[in-house]
Amino acid sequence: MTAEPTPAALLAWYLDAGVDETIGETPRDRYESPTITPDATAPAIALDQPVEAPLPLTLPPSRGETPSTAGDSRRLAQACADLDELRAVIEDFEGCALKKTASHTVIADGNPDAHVMLIGEAPGAEEDRRGLPFVGKAGQLLNRMLAAIELDRTSVYITNVLPWRPPGNRTPTPEEVATCLPFVERQIELVTPRLLVLVGGISAKSLLGRTEGITRLRGKWYDYAAIAGGAPIPTTAIFHPAYLLRQPTLKREAWRDLQAIRRKLEGKT
């Protein structure tokens, strides 16, 4: 007979699954068609009477973003002379609504003098709790992947496109990506890595300016050109470790990508 889980164990399971907020005290089937009750006090409209055209509808900016937030973040990021200044600017930035629901601002980990820079998508639940990128189950797999090509967190610099976790690990909106992208672009310029590894589809599409999915983008080499100029940086894309945990059959392709990265670092390609 299976023992019932304790409340603490059940809550931990919910958090690992990405459930971090409640929206009601009683269960509700949200796929059920709503029942509409006519309002008896509403005045009847005769069908033969002309109806005034409604006023034009003006939608508010998506998810709290304003048209100027991407421009604001780019201006602030480009004004930073080093990573310490950039970290302070990101932590103080209020132009992205994701910050209001996140527990921590997750900026970077690893060695800022490293030759290899890895850029993921956004923090997960464990990263949001601890304030560091790639420290959950996906991060543990990433550590093993790096070890397979003789790298570790002292020899790479790790960050994300977004420094704040989207609620429930949902996909970030284009507005959220556009707002946060200047911060990671400035990190690339300040770290000046020899090699750039984009971890996951959102990171690859955002920084390469492409529309293809990660399956088509991985396994190839690109030249990333920094906004501030300088020599293009050899760049490749790999599957996100979280995706590999769900699709273990793709680990063979992931191993090939890791071998290509090692050959590139050794100057063999």
Protein backbone atom coordinates (compact mmCIF):
# COMPACT_ATOMS: atom_id res chain seq x y z
CA MET A 1 0.00 0.00 0.00
CA THR A 2 1.42 3.36 -1.06
CA ALA A 3 1.72 5.91 1.74
CA GLU A 4 0.05 9.28 1.26
CA PRO A 5 2.57 12.09 0.63
CA THR A 6 3.05 14.64 3.37
CA PRO A 7 1.86 18.22 2.68
CA ALA A 8 5.49 19.38 2.53
CA ALA A 9 6.42 16.70 -0.01
CA LEU A 10 3.34 17.48 -2.10
CA LEU A 11 4.16 21.20 -2.07
CA ALA A 12 7.76 20.49 -3.13
CA TRP A 13 6.45 18.35 -6.01
CA TYR A 14 4.17 21.18 -7.15
CA LEU A 15 7.08 23.67 -7.09
CA ASP A 16 9.31 21.35 -9.14
CA ALA A 17 6.49 21.00 -11.66
CA GLY A 18 6.29 24.79 -12.06
CA VAL A 19 3.08 25.36 -10.06
CA ASP A 20 3.91 28.43 -8.02
CA GLU A 21 0.61 30.27 -7.63
CA THR A 22 -3.04 29.53 -6.86
CA ILE A 23 -6.06 31.14 -8.49
CA GLY A 24 -8.92 29.80 -6.39
CA GLU A 25 -9.85 27.83 -3.30
CA THR A 26 -12.09 25.32 -5.08
CA PRO A 27 -11.42 23.27 -8.25
CA ARG A 28 -13.03 24.48 -11.45
CA ASP A 29 -13.28 22.92 -14.90
CA ARG A 30 -12.06 25.77 -17.10
CA TYR A 31 -12.73 23.77 -20.26
CA GLU A 32 -16.47 23.75 -19.51
CA SER A 33 -18.50 26.25 -21.52
CA PRO A 34 -19.56 29.12 -19.26
CA THR A 35 -23.22 29.57 -18.48
CA ILE A 36 -24.39 33.06 -19.37
CA THR A 37 -27.23 34.43 -17.29
CA PRO A 38 -29.16 37.28 -18.92
CA ASP A 39 -29.19 40.52 -16.99
CA ALA A 40 -32.82 41.30 -16.28
CA THR A 41 -32.03 44.95 -15.60
CA ALA A 42 -30.34 45.52 -18.96
CA PRO A 43 -32.48 47.54 -21.40
CA ALA A 44 -33.79 45.66 -24.43
CA ILE A 45 -32.56 46.74 -27.86
CA ALA A 46 -35.05 46.73 -30.68
CA LEU A 47 -33.67 44.98 -33.74
CA ASP A 48 -34.97 47.67 -36.08
CA GLN A 49 -33.17 50.49 -34.28
CA PRO A 50 -29.73 51.64 -35.52
CA VAL A 51 -26.85 50.81 -33.22
CA GLU A 52 -24.08 53.35 -32.74
CA ALA A 53 -20.66 52.19 -33.89
CA PRO A 54 -18.35 51.45 -30.97
CA LEU A 55 -15.40 53.66 -30.25
CA PRO A 56 -12.03 52.39 -31.51
CA LEU A 57 -10.48 49.96 -29.05
CA THR A 58 -7.00 50.84 -27.81
CA LEU A 59 -5.22 47.90 -26.24
CA PRO A 60 -2.76 48.48 -23.41
CA PRO A 61 0.87 47.45 -23.94
CA SER A 62 1.39 43.69 -23.58
CA ARG A 63 2.03 42.36 -20.04
CA GLY A 64 3.00 45.69 -18.55
CA GLU A 65 5.63 46.47 -21.18
CA THR A 66 5.82 49.92 -22.72
CA PRO A 67 7.13 50.71 -26.20
CA SER A 68 10.16 52.43 -24.68
CA THR A 69 11.35 49.65 -22.37
CA ALA A 70 13.57 47.95 -24.98
CA GLY A 71 15.12 51.29 -25.84
CA ASP A 72 15.59 52.09 -22.15
CA SER A 73 17.34 48.80 -21.44
CA ARG A 74 19.63 49.23 -24.45
CA ARG A 75 20.58 52.75 -23.41
CA LEU A 76 21.26 51.64 -19.83
CA ALA A 77 23.20 48.55 -20.87
CA GLN A 78 25.45 50.36 -23.35
CA ALA A 79 26.35 52.92 -20.68
CA CYS A 80 27.86 50.22 -18.44
CA ALA A 81 31.66 50.06 -18.52
CA ASP A 82 32.01 46.67 -16.79
CA LEU A 83 30.03 43.68 -15.57
CA ASP A 84 29.64 45.07 -12.04
CA GLU A 85 27.93 48.19 -13.37
CA LEU A 86 25.74 46.08 -15.63
CA ARG A 87 24.72 43.80 -12.76
CA ALA A 88 23.67 46.81 -10.69
CA VAL A 89 21.66 48.23 -13.60
CA ILE A 90 19.85 44.92 -14.20
CA GLU A 91 19.01 44.53 -10.52
CA ASP A 92 17.57 48.07 -10.41
CA PHE A 93 15.70 47.82 -13.73
CA GLU A 94 11.90 48.07 -13.40
CA GLY A 95 10.95 47.99 -17.08
CA CYS A 96 10.03 44.30 -17.26
CA ALA A 97 6.90 43.01 -15.53
CA LEU A 98 8.54 39.62 -14.90
CA LYS A 99 10.55 41.17 -12.09
CA LYS A 100 7.36 41.68 -10.07
CA THR A 101 6.65 37.93 -9.92
CA ALA A 102 10.24 36.67 -9.59
CA SER A 103 11.95 35.91 -6.28
CA HIS A 104 15.44 36.80 -7.47
CA THR A 105 17.18 38.52 -10.34
CA VAL A 106 19.31 35.78 -11.90
CA ILE A 107 22.21 37.29 -13.82
CA ALA A 108 25.24 35.03 -14.23
CA ASP A 109 27.57 32.38 -12.84
CA GLY A 110 31.03 31.15 -13.68
CA ASN A 111 34.21 32.89 -14.80
CA PRO A 112 33.86 36.30 -16.52
CA ASP A 113 37.34 35.79 -18.03
CA ALA A 114 36.35 32.47 -19.62
CA HIS A 115 36.79 31.73 -23.32
CA VAL A 116 33.38 30.02 -23.52
CA MET A 117 30.08 31.77 -22.79
CA LEU A 118 26.79 29.87 -22.50
CA ILE A 119 23.46 31.67 -22.78
CA GLY A 120 20.24 29.95 -21.77
CA GLU A 121 16.65 31.13 -21.96
CA ALA A 122 15.33 32.07 -18.51
CA PRO A 123 15.60 30.93 -14.89
CA GLY A 124 13.52 27.98 -13.72
CA ALA A 125 11.98 27.42 -10.29
CA GLU A 126 15.21 26.37 -8.56
CA GLU A 127 17.21 29.13 -10.25
CA ASP A 128 14.62 31.68 -9.13
CA ARG A 129 14.89 30.43 -5.54
CA ARG A 130 18.69 30.44 -5.44
CA GLY A 131 19.48 33.41 -7.70
CA LEU A 132 21.90 31.50 -9.98
CA PRO A 133 21.48 30.14 -13.52
CA PHE A 134 21.36 26.41 -14.27
CA VAL A 135 21.34 25.00 -10.72
CA GLY A 136 18.26 22.74 -10.94
CA LYS A 137 18.01 19.32 -12.59
CA ALA A 138 18.75 20.82 -16.01
CA GLY A 139 21.77 22.58 -14.54
CA GLN A 140 23.08 19.32 -13.12
CA LEU A 141 22.84 17.76 -16.57
CA LEU A 142 24.61 20.80 -18.07
CA ASN A 143 27.44 20.30 -15.57
CA ARG A 144 27.85 16.70 -16.77
CA MET A 145 27.74 17.82 -20.40
CA LEU A 146 30.50 20.35 -19.76
CA ALA A 147 32.58 17.78 -17.88
CA ALA A 148 32.37 15.51 -20.93
CA ILE A 149 34.44 18.06 -22.88
CA GLU A 150 36.69 18.94 -19.92
CA LEU A 151 34.93 22.17 -18.95
CA ASP A 152 33.27 23.27 -15.72
CA ARG A 153 31.85 26.41 -14.13
CA THR A 154 35.31 27.80 -13.47
CA SER A 155 36.12 27.70 -17.19
CA VAL A 156 32.83 29.04 -18.63
CA TYR A 157 30.56 32.03 -18.10
CA ILE A 158 26.83 31.23 -17.88
CA THR A 159 23.87 33.57 -18.20
CA ASN A 160 20.33 33.74 -19.65
CA VAL A 161 18.47 35.93 -22.12
CA LEU A 162 15.99 36.81 -19.35
CA PRO A 163 17.16 37.47 -15.78
CA TRP A 164 13.69 36.83 -14.34
CA ARG A 165 11.63 33.66 -14.33
CA PRO A 166 8.35 33.72 -16.29
CA PRO A 167 5.55 32.49 -13.97
CA GLY A 168 5.04 28.75 -14.26
CA ASN A 169 8.03 28.49 -16.62
CA ARG A 170 5.86 29.72 -19.48
CA THR A 171 7.44 30.82 -22.75
CA PRO A 172 8.48 34.49 -22.54
CA THR A 173 6.67 36.93 -24.77
CA PRO A 174 8.45 38.70 -27.66
CA GLU A 175 8.13 41.95 -25.71
CA GLU A 176 9.86 40.45 -22.67
CA VAL A 177 12.67 39.08 -24.81
CA ALA A 178 13.13 42.40 -26.62
CA THR A 179 13.29 44.26 -23.30
CA CYS A 180 15.90 41.97 -21.73
CA LEU A 181 18.00 41.17 -24.80
CA PRO A 182 20.20 44.32 -24.59
CA PHE A 183 21.41 43.20 -21.17
CA VAL A 184 22.74 39.87 -22.42
CA GLU A 185 24.13 41.49 -25.57
CA ARG A 186 26.14 43.85 -23.39
CA GLN A 187 27.39 40.90 -21.32
CA ILE A 188 28.73 39.33 -24.51
CA GLU A 189 30.55 42.56 -25.37
CA LEU A 190 32.09 42.82 -21.89
CA VAL A 191 33.08 39.15 -21.55
CA THR A 192 34.36 38.92 -25.17
CA PRO A 193 34.39 35.10 -25.31
CA ARG A 194 36.18 33.10 -27.96
CA LEU A 195 33.15 30.89 -28.34
CA LEU A 196 29.42 31.46 -27.81
CA VAL A 197 27.07 28.54 -27.03
CA LEU A 198 23.35 29.29 -27.22
CA VAL A 199 21.41 26.87 -25.04
CA GLY A 200 17.85 26.29 -26.28
CA GLY A 201 15.60 27.66 -28.98
CA ILE A 202 14.70 31.03 -27.49
CA SER A 203 18.34 31.92 -26.89
CA ALA A 204 19.36 30.79 -30.39
CA LYS A 205 16.54 32.56 -32.23
CA SER A 206 16.89 35.77 -30.22
CA LEU A 207 20.64 36.23 -30.54
CA LEU A 208 20.98 34.91 -34.09
CA GLY A 209 17.92 36.76 -35.36
CA ARG A 210 16.50 33.57 -36.85
CA THR A 211 13.01 32.07 -36.94
CA GLU A 212 13.89 28.35 -37.20
CA GLY A 213 13.54 26.05 -34.23
CA ILE A 214 16.44 24.61 -32.26
CA THR A 215 16.34 21.32 -34.20
CA ARG A 216 17.31 23.18 -37.37
CA LEU A 217 19.66 25.68 -35.73
CA ARG A 218 21.79 23.23 -33.72
CA GLY A 219 24.82 21.47 -35.15
CA LYS A 220 25.97 24.47 -37.21
CA TRP A 221 28.34 27.38 -36.74
CA TYR A 222 27.39 31.03 -37.06
CA ASP A 223 29.19 34.35 -36.68
CA TYR A 224 27.74 36.53 -33.94
CA ALA A 225 28.47 40.22 -34.53
CA ALA A 226 28.38 42.36 -31.40
CA ILE A 227 26.50 45.66 -31.60
CA ALA A 228 29.57 47.57 -30.38
CA GLY A 229 31.67 46.09 -33.17
CA GLY A 230 34.72 43.89 -33.02
CA ALA A 231 35.51 40.54 -34.61
CA PRO A 232 32.58 38.13 -35.08
CA ILE A 233 32.35 35.39 -32.44
CA PRO A 234 31.99 31.75 -33.55
CA THR A 235 28.58 30.68 -32.25
CA THR A 236 26.67 27.43 -32.07
CA ALA A 237 23.35 26.29 -30.61
CA ILE A 238 22.60 23.18 -28.55
CA PHE A 239 19.53 21.55 -27.08
CA HIS A 240 18.53 22.89 -23.67
CA PRO A 241 19.30 20.33 -20.92
CA ALA A 242 15.68 20.58 -19.72
CA TYR A 243 14.58 19.47 -23.19
CA LEU A 244 17.04 16.58 -23.13
CA LEU A 245 15.58 15.42 -19.81
CA ARG A 246 12.21 15.16 -21.54
CA GLN A 247 13.64 13.76 -24.80
CA PRO A 248 16.55 11.47 -23.81
CA THR A 249 16.71 9.98 -27.32
CA LEU A 250 18.25 13.26 -28.49
CA LYS A 251 21.32 12.87 -26.27
CA ARG A 252 23.24 11.34 -29.21
CA GLU A 253 22.83 14.57 -31.20
CA ALA A 254 23.72 16.55 -28.07
CA TRP A 255 26.95 14.53 -27.73
CA ARG A 256 27.87 15.32 -31.33
CA ASP A 257 27.32 19.03 -30.62
CA LEU A 258 29.59 18.84 -27.56
CA GLN A 259 32.32 17.15 -29.60
CA ALA A 260 32.06 19.91 -32.21
CA ILE A 261 32.50 22.52 -29.46
CA ARG A 262 35.60 20.76 -28.15
CA ARG A 263 37.10 20.54 -31.67
CA LYS A 264 36.42 24.24 -32.15
CA LEU A 265 38.19 25.10 -28.90
CA GLU A 266 41.15 22.97 -29.93
CA GLY A 267 41.32 24.78 -33.28
CA LYS A 268 40.55 21.64 -35.26
CA THR A 269 37.63 23.12 -37.20
